[in-house]
């Protein structure tokens, strides 16, 4: 009899980070991908990133759960913070917005754990993301896997794997307010 791996819902912000992190986590967890990013603008960009996530889910035999794309709802959540700098209050609101939905999905799909690829980017503050994730998960009795996936060359490894697989890599976080802050 084999030991069953714990179920983990992996919120993916983009497939560039998601492909590496999902392969890393598959070693210890039964991974389900959750693509929930109503912050992405314009909608064509959202569709491009979702399409890449679908390709990777199929290639690596991972279940992909697609969240609703409601950019107007996201805009209401960040209203008044449009001119905040990157890594500022707008970004914290955005992380919370997406991780709150991710924890609902983790509960719905009976996952033991939740984590996010948001911490893979060198442009994000992993400690803030992990704190937000832990608070969201605690409300639903789910464990948040606090990680900084950019550590141990995680960002470099995700970039290399993305190039190797010919994946699209965007040059901004996703929202219209981050477009002037190119990576």
C-alpha atoms as a PDB file:
ATOM      1  CA  UNK A   1       0.000   0.000   0.000  1.00  0.00           C
ATOM      2  CA  UNK A   2       1.414   3.379  -0.969  1.00  0.00           C
ATOM      3  CA  UNK A   3       1.227   6.480   1.164  1.00  0.00           C
ATOM      4  CA  UNK A   4      -1.150   9.038  -0.222  1.00  0.00           C
ATOM      5  CA  UNK A   5       0.339  12.482  -0.694  1.00  0.00           C
ATOM      6  CA  UNK A   6      -1.426  15.449   0.928  1.00  0.00           C
ATOM      7  CA  UNK A   7      -3.514  17.551  -1.460  1.00  0.00           C
ATOM      8  CA  UNK A   8      -2.178  21.001  -2.239  1.00  0.00           C
ATOM      9  CA  UNK A   9      -3.834  23.800  -4.173  1.00  0.00           C
ATOM     10  CA  UNK A  10      -1.212  25.887  -5.948  1.00  0.00           C
ATOM     11  CA  UNK A  11      -2.378  29.360  -6.877  1.00  0.00           C
ATOM     12  CA  UNK A  12      -0.489  30.248 -10.032  1.00  0.00           C
ATOM     13  CA  UNK A  13      -0.029  33.844 -11.050  1.00  0.00           C
ATOM     14  CA  UNK A  14       1.651  32.914 -14.313  1.00  0.00           C
ATOM     15  CA  UNK A  15       2.853  29.713 -15.871  1.00  0.00           C
ATOM     16  CA  UNK A  16       6.463  30.892 -16.011  1.00  0.00           C
ATOM     17  CA  UNK A  17       6.656  30.527 -12.253  1.00  0.00           C
ATOM     18  CA  UNK A  18       3.985  27.851 -12.026  1.00  0.00           C
ATOM     19  CA  UNK A  19       5.717  25.248 -14.159  1.00  0.00           C
ATOM     20  CA  UNK A  20       8.821  25.044 -11.983  1.00  0.00           C
ATOM     21  CA  UNK A  21       7.009  25.307  -8.646  1.00  0.00           C
ATOM     22  CA  UNK A  22       4.421  22.694  -9.625  1.00  0.00           C
ATOM     23  CA  UNK A  23       7.160  20.216 -10.529  1.00  0.00           C
ATOM     24  CA  UNK A  24       8.981  20.910  -7.273  1.00  0.00           C
ATOM     25  CA  UNK A  25       5.822  20.440  -5.185  1.00  0.00           C
ATOM     26  CA  UNK A  26       4.723  17.280  -7.035  1.00  0.00           C
ATOM     27  CA  UNK A  27       7.525  15.466  -5.247  1.00  0.00           C
ATOM     28  CA  UNK A  28       5.668  15.707  -1.927  1.00  0.00           C
ATOM     29  CA  UNK A  29       2.083  16.732  -2.741  1.00  0.00           C
ATOM     30  CA  UNK A  30      -0.877  15.897  -4.939  1.00  0.00           C
ATOM     31  CA  UNK A  31      -0.921  19.283  -6.721  1.00  0.00           C
ATOM     32  CA  UNK A  32      -3.939  21.025  -8.228  1.00  0.00           C
ATOM     33  CA  UNK A  33      -3.339  24.290 -10.084  1.00  0.00           C
ATOM     34  CA  UNK A  34      -5.607  27.265  -9.500  1.00  0.00           C
ATOM     35  CA  UNK A  35      -5.430  30.114 -12.001  1.00  0.00           C
ATOM     36  CA  UNK A  36      -7.173  33.086 -10.447  1.00  0.00           C
ATOM     37  CA  UNK A  37      -5.900  36.446 -11.617  1.00  0.00           C
ATOM     38  CA  UNK A  38      -8.650  39.013 -12.248  1.00  0.00           C
ATOM     39  CA  UNK A  39      -5.960  41.658 -11.804  1.00  0.00           C
ATOM     40  CA  UNK A  40      -4.477  40.900 -15.229  1.00  0.00           C
ATOM     41  CA  UNK A  41      -5.152  43.516 -17.869  1.00  0.00           C
ATOM     42  CA  UNK A  42      -5.975  43.675 -20.692  1.00  0.00           C
ATOM     43  CA  UNK A  43      -8.190  40.645 -21.097  1.00  0.00           C
ATOM     44  CA  UNK A  44      -6.106  39.462 -24.067  1.00  0.00           C
ATOM     45  CA  UNK A  45      -3.106  39.244 -21.718  1.00  0.00           C
ATOM     46  CA  UNK A  46      -5.211  37.279 -19.244  1.00  0.00           C
ATOM     47  CA  UNK A  47      -6.238  34.831 -21.981  1.00  0.00           C
ATOM     48  CA  UNK A  48      -2.626  34.424 -23.115  1.00  0.00           C
ATOM     49  CA  UNK A  49      -1.463  33.582 -19.585  1.00  0.00           C
ATOM     50  CA  UNK A  50      -4.411  31.233 -19.017  1.00  0.00           C
ATOM     51  CA  UNK A  51      -3.659  29.469 -22.316  1.00  0.00           C
ATOM     52  CA  UNK A  52      -0.097  28.835 -21.179  1.00  0.00           C
ATOM     53  CA  UNK A  53      -1.382  27.441 -17.873  1.00  0.00           C
ATOM     54  CA  UNK A  54      -3.675  25.089 -19.792  1.00  0.00           C
ATOM     55  CA  UNK A  55      -0.744  23.841 -21.894  1.00  0.00           C
ATOM     56  CA  UNK A  56       1.359  23.102 -18.824  1.00  0.00           C
ATOM     57  CA  UNK A  57      -1.502  21.406 -16.974  1.00  0.00           C
ATOM     58  CA  UNK A  58      -1.988  19.108 -19.941  1.00  0.00           C
ATOM     59  CA  UNK A  59       1.738  18.470 -20.468  1.00  0.00           C
ATOM     60  CA  UNK A  60       2.362  17.549 -16.825  1.00  0.00           C
ATOM     61  CA  UNK A  61      -1.015  15.896 -16.175  1.00  0.00           C
ATOM     62  CA  UNK A  62      -2.144  18.423 -13.548  1.00  0.00           C
ATOM     63  CA  UNK A  63      -5.690  19.429 -12.818  1.00  0.00           C
ATOM     64  CA  UNK A  64      -6.242  23.117 -13.585  1.00  0.00           C
ATOM     65  CA  UNK A  65      -9.025  24.975 -11.838  1.00  0.00           C
ATOM     66  CA  UNK A  66      -9.922  28.249 -13.512  1.00  0.00           C
ATOM     67  CA  UNK A  67     -11.187  31.097 -11.384  1.00  0.00           C
ATOM     68  CA  UNK A  68     -13.572  33.724 -12.626  1.00  0.00           C
ATOM     69  CA  UNK A  69     -12.133  36.663 -14.541  1.00  0.00           C
ATOM     70  CA  UNK A  70     -13.903  39.713 -13.101  1.00  0.00           C
ATOM     71  CA  UNK A  71     -11.522  42.617 -13.577  1.00  0.00           C
ATOM     72  CA  UNK A  72     -14.145  45.172 -12.503  1.00  0.00           C
ATOM     73  CA  UNK A  73     -14.504  43.451  -9.117  1.00  0.00           C
ATOM     74  CA  UNK A  74     -10.730  43.563  -8.698  1.00  0.00           C
ATOM     75  CA  UNK A  75     -10.650  47.259  -9.679  1.00  0.00           C
ATOM     76  CA  UNK A  76     -13.191  47.994  -6.941  1.00  0.00           C
ATOM     77  CA  UNK A  77     -10.985  46.215  -4.409  1.00  0.00           C
ATOM     78  CA  UNK A  78      -7.943  48.354  -5.222  1.00  0.00           C
ATOM     79  CA  UNK A  79      -9.815  51.620  -5.778  1.00  0.00           C
ATOM     80  CA  UNK A  80      -7.920  54.527  -4.249  1.00  0.00           C
ATOM     81  CA  UNK A  81      -4.605  52.682  -4.530  1.00  0.00           C
ATOM     82  CA  UNK A  82      -4.066  52.968  -8.274  1.00  0.00           C
ATOM     83  CA  UNK A  83      -0.994  55.190  -7.928  1.00  0.00           C
ATOM     84  CA  UNK A  84       0.672  53.180  -5.147  1.00  0.00           C
ATOM     85  CA  UNK A  85       4.182  52.045  -6.024  1.00  0.00           C
ATOM     86  CA  UNK A  86       4.927  48.424  -6.844  1.00  0.00           C
ATOM     87  CA  UNK A  87       5.182  46.346  -3.638  1.00  0.00           C
ATOM     88  CA  UNK A  88       2.936  48.922  -1.943  1.00  0.00           C
ATOM     89  CA  UNK A  89      -0.565  48.764  -0.493  1.00  0.00           C
ATOM     90  CA  UNK A  90      -2.251  48.038  -3.862  1.00  0.00           C
ATOM     91  CA  UNK A  91      -0.144  44.905  -4.251  1.00  0.00           C
ATOM     92  CA  UNK A  92      -0.963  43.740  -0.716  1.00  0.00           C
ATOM     93  CA  UNK A  93      -4.683  44.194  -1.432  1.00  0.00           C
ATOM     94  CA  UNK A  94      -4.239  42.260  -4.677  1.00  0.00           C
ATOM     95  CA  UNK A  95      -2.474  39.350  -2.968  1.00  0.00           C
ATOM     96  CA  UNK A  96      -5.223  39.171  -0.340  1.00  0.00           C
ATOM     97  CA  UNK A  97      -7.935  39.367  -2.996  1.00  0.00           C
ATOM     98  CA  UNK A  98      -6.511  36.388  -4.872  1.00  0.00           C
ATOM     99  CA  UNK A  99      -5.470  34.298  -1.874  1.00  0.00           C
ATOM    100  CA  UNK A 100      -8.881  34.718  -0.226  1.00  0.00           C
ATOM    101  CA  UNK A 101     -10.418  33.132  -3.329  1.00  0.00           C
ATOM    102  CA  UNK A 102      -7.702  30.481  -3.443  1.00  0.00           C
ATOM    103  CA  UNK A 103      -8.425  29.351   0.102  1.00  0.00           C
ATOM    104  CA  UNK A 104     -12.133  29.015  -0.758  1.00  0.00           C
ATOM    105  CA  UNK A 105     -11.154  26.768  -3.685  1.00  0.00           C
ATOM    106  CA  UNK A 106      -8.731  24.786  -1.527  1.00  0.00           C
ATOM    107  CA  UNK A 107     -11.556  24.099   0.909  1.00  0.00           C
ATOM    108  CA  UNK A 108     -13.978  23.253  -1.918  1.00  0.00           C
ATOM    109  CA  UNK A 109     -11.550  20.699  -3.368  1.00  0.00           C
ATOM    110  CA  UNK A 110     -10.675  19.226   0.069  1.00  0.00           C
ATOM    111  CA  UNK A 111      -7.044  20.287  -0.099  1.00  0.00           C
ATOM    112  CA  UNK A 112      -4.859  20.011   2.967  1.00  0.00           C
ATOM    113  CA  UNK A 113      -2.548  22.821   1.888  1.00  0.00           C
ATOM    114  CA  UNK A 114      -2.520  26.024  -0.110  1.00  0.00           C
ATOM    115  CA  UNK A 115       0.407  27.982  -1.488  1.00  0.00           C
ATOM    116  CA  UNK A 116       1.139  30.415  -4.301  1.00  0.00           C
ATOM    117  CA  UNK A 117       3.732  30.994  -6.981  1.00  0.00           C
ATOM    118  CA  UNK A 118       3.651  34.719  -6.196  1.00  0.00           C
ATOM    119  CA  UNK A 119       6.760  34.281  -4.048  1.00  0.00           C
ATOM    120  CA  UNK A 120       8.821  33.119  -7.047  1.00  0.00           C
ATOM    121  CA  UNK A 121       9.218  36.632  -8.421  1.00  0.00           C
ATOM    122  CA  UNK A 122      12.117  38.785  -7.234  1.00  0.00           C
ATOM    123  CA  UNK A 123       9.676  41.696  -7.627  1.00  0.00           C
ATOM    124  CA  UNK A 124       7.463  40.443  -4.780  1.00  0.00           C
ATOM    125  CA  UNK A 125       7.898  40.431  -0.999  1.00  0.00           C
ATOM    126  CA  UNK A 126       7.542  36.785   0.028  1.00  0.00           C
ATOM    127  CA  UNK A 127       7.139  37.500   3.746  1.00  0.00           C
ATOM    128  CA  UNK A 128       4.088  39.713   3.085  1.00  0.00           C
ATOM    129  CA  UNK A 129       2.554  37.171   0.703  1.00  0.00           C
ATOM    130  CA  UNK A 130       3.099  34.330   3.172  1.00  0.00           C
ATOM    131  CA  UNK A 131       1.557  36.312   6.031  1.00  0.00           C
ATOM    132  CA  UNK A 132      -1.524  37.098   3.938  1.00  0.00           C
ATOM    133  CA  UNK A 133      -1.770  33.449   2.870  1.00  0.00           C
ATOM    134  CA  UNK A 134      -1.449  32.155   6.411  1.00  0.00           C
ATOM    135  CA  UNK A 135      -4.220  34.476   7.624  1.00  0.00           C
ATOM    136  CA  UNK A 136      -6.543  33.466   4.784  1.00  0.00           C
ATOM    137  CA  UNK A 137      -5.895  29.749   5.257  1.00  0.00           C
ATOM    138  CA  UNK A 138      -6.363  29.911   9.033  1.00  0.00           C
ATOM    139  CA  UNK A 139      -9.944  31.161   8.561  1.00  0.00           C
ATOM    140  CA  UNK A 140     -10.782  27.919   6.737  1.00  0.00           C
ATOM    141  CA  UNK A 141      -8.722  25.440   8.716  1.00  0.00           C
ATOM    142  CA  UNK A 142      -6.289  24.834   5.866  1.00  0.00           C
ATOM    143  CA  UNK A 143      -2.508  24.906   6.181  1.00  0.00           C
ATOM    144  CA  UNK A 144      -0.654  27.518   4.164  1.00  0.00           C
ATOM    145  CA  UNK A 145       2.684  26.312   2.876  1.00  0.00           C
ATOM    146  CA  UNK A 146       4.843  29.374   3.486  1.00  0.00           C
ATOM    147  CA  UNK A 147       7.633  29.356   0.958  1.00  0.00           C
ATOM    148  CA  UNK A 148       9.913  31.775  -0.799  1.00  0.00           C
ATOM    149  CA  UNK A 149      10.173  29.993  -4.124  1.00  0.00           C
ATOM    150  CA  UNK A 150      12.774  32.439  -5.446  1.00  0.00           C
ATOM    151  CA  UNK A 151      15.270  31.052  -2.888  1.00  0.00           C
ATOM    152  CA  UNK A 152      17.805  28.442  -3.989  1.00  0.00           C
ATOM    153  CA  UNK A 153      17.709  29.923  -7.512  1.00  0.00           C
ATOM    154  CA  UNK A 154      13.984  29.211  -7.859  1.00  0.00           C
ATOM    155  CA  UNK A 155      13.416  32.227 -10.101  1.00  0.00           C
ATOM    156  CA  UNK A 156      16.382  31.296 -12.295  1.00  0.00           C
ATOM    157  CA  UNK A 157      15.198  27.691 -12.496  1.00  0.00           C
ATOM    158  CA  UNK A 158      11.652  28.768 -13.401  1.00  0.00           C
ATOM    159  CA  UNK A 159      13.001  31.099 -16.098  1.00  0.00           C
ATOM    160  CA  UNK A 160      15.237  28.378 -17.533  1.00  0.00           C
ATOM    161  CA  UNK A 161      12.433  25.796 -17.578  1.00  0.00           C
ATOM    162  CA  UNK A 162      10.086  28.311 -19.210  1.00  0.00           C
ATOM    163  CA  UNK A 163      12.627  29.004 -21.950  1.00  0.00           C
ATOM    164  CA  UNK A 164      13.261  25.283 -22.423  1.00  0.00           C
ATOM    165  CA  UNK A 165       9.523  24.666 -22.883  1.00  0.00           C
ATOM    166  CA  UNK A 166       9.023  27.752 -25.071  1.00  0.00           C
ATOM    167  CA  UNK A 167       6.554  29.366 -22.662  1.00  0.00           C
ATOM    168  CA  UNK A 168       5.362  32.936 -22.789  1.00  0.00           C
ATOM    169  CA  UNK A 169       6.934  35.132 -20.100  1.00  0.00           C
ATOM    170  CA  UNK A 170       5.303  38.476 -19.507  1.00  0.00           C
ATOM    171  CA  UNK A 171       7.256  41.643 -18.760  1.00  0.00           C
ATOM    172  CA  UNK A 172       4.934  43.121 -16.109  1.00  0.00           C
ATOM    173  CA  UNK A 173       3.044  41.811 -13.103  1.00  0.00           C
ATOM    174  CA  UNK A 174      -0.378  41.947 -14.643  1.00  0.00           C
ATOM    175  CA  UNK A 175      -2.518  44.936 -13.765  1.00  0.00           C
ATOM    176  CA  UNK A 176      -2.688  48.122 -15.764  1.00  0.00           C
ATOM    177  CA  UNK A 177      -1.041  49.991 -12.899  1.00  0.00           C
ATOM    178  CA  UNK A 178       2.047  47.774 -13.037  1.00  0.00           C
ATOM    179  CA  UNK A 179       2.584  48.101 -16.804  1.00  0.00           C
ATOM    180  CA  UNK A 180       4.953  51.035 -16.346  1.00  0.00           C
ATOM    181  CA  UNK A 181       7.005  48.863 -13.960  1.00  0.00           C
ATOM    182  CA  UNK A 182       8.417  46.394 -16.468  1.00  0.00           C
ATOM    183  CA  UNK A 183      10.514  43.469 -15.309  1.00  0.00           C
END
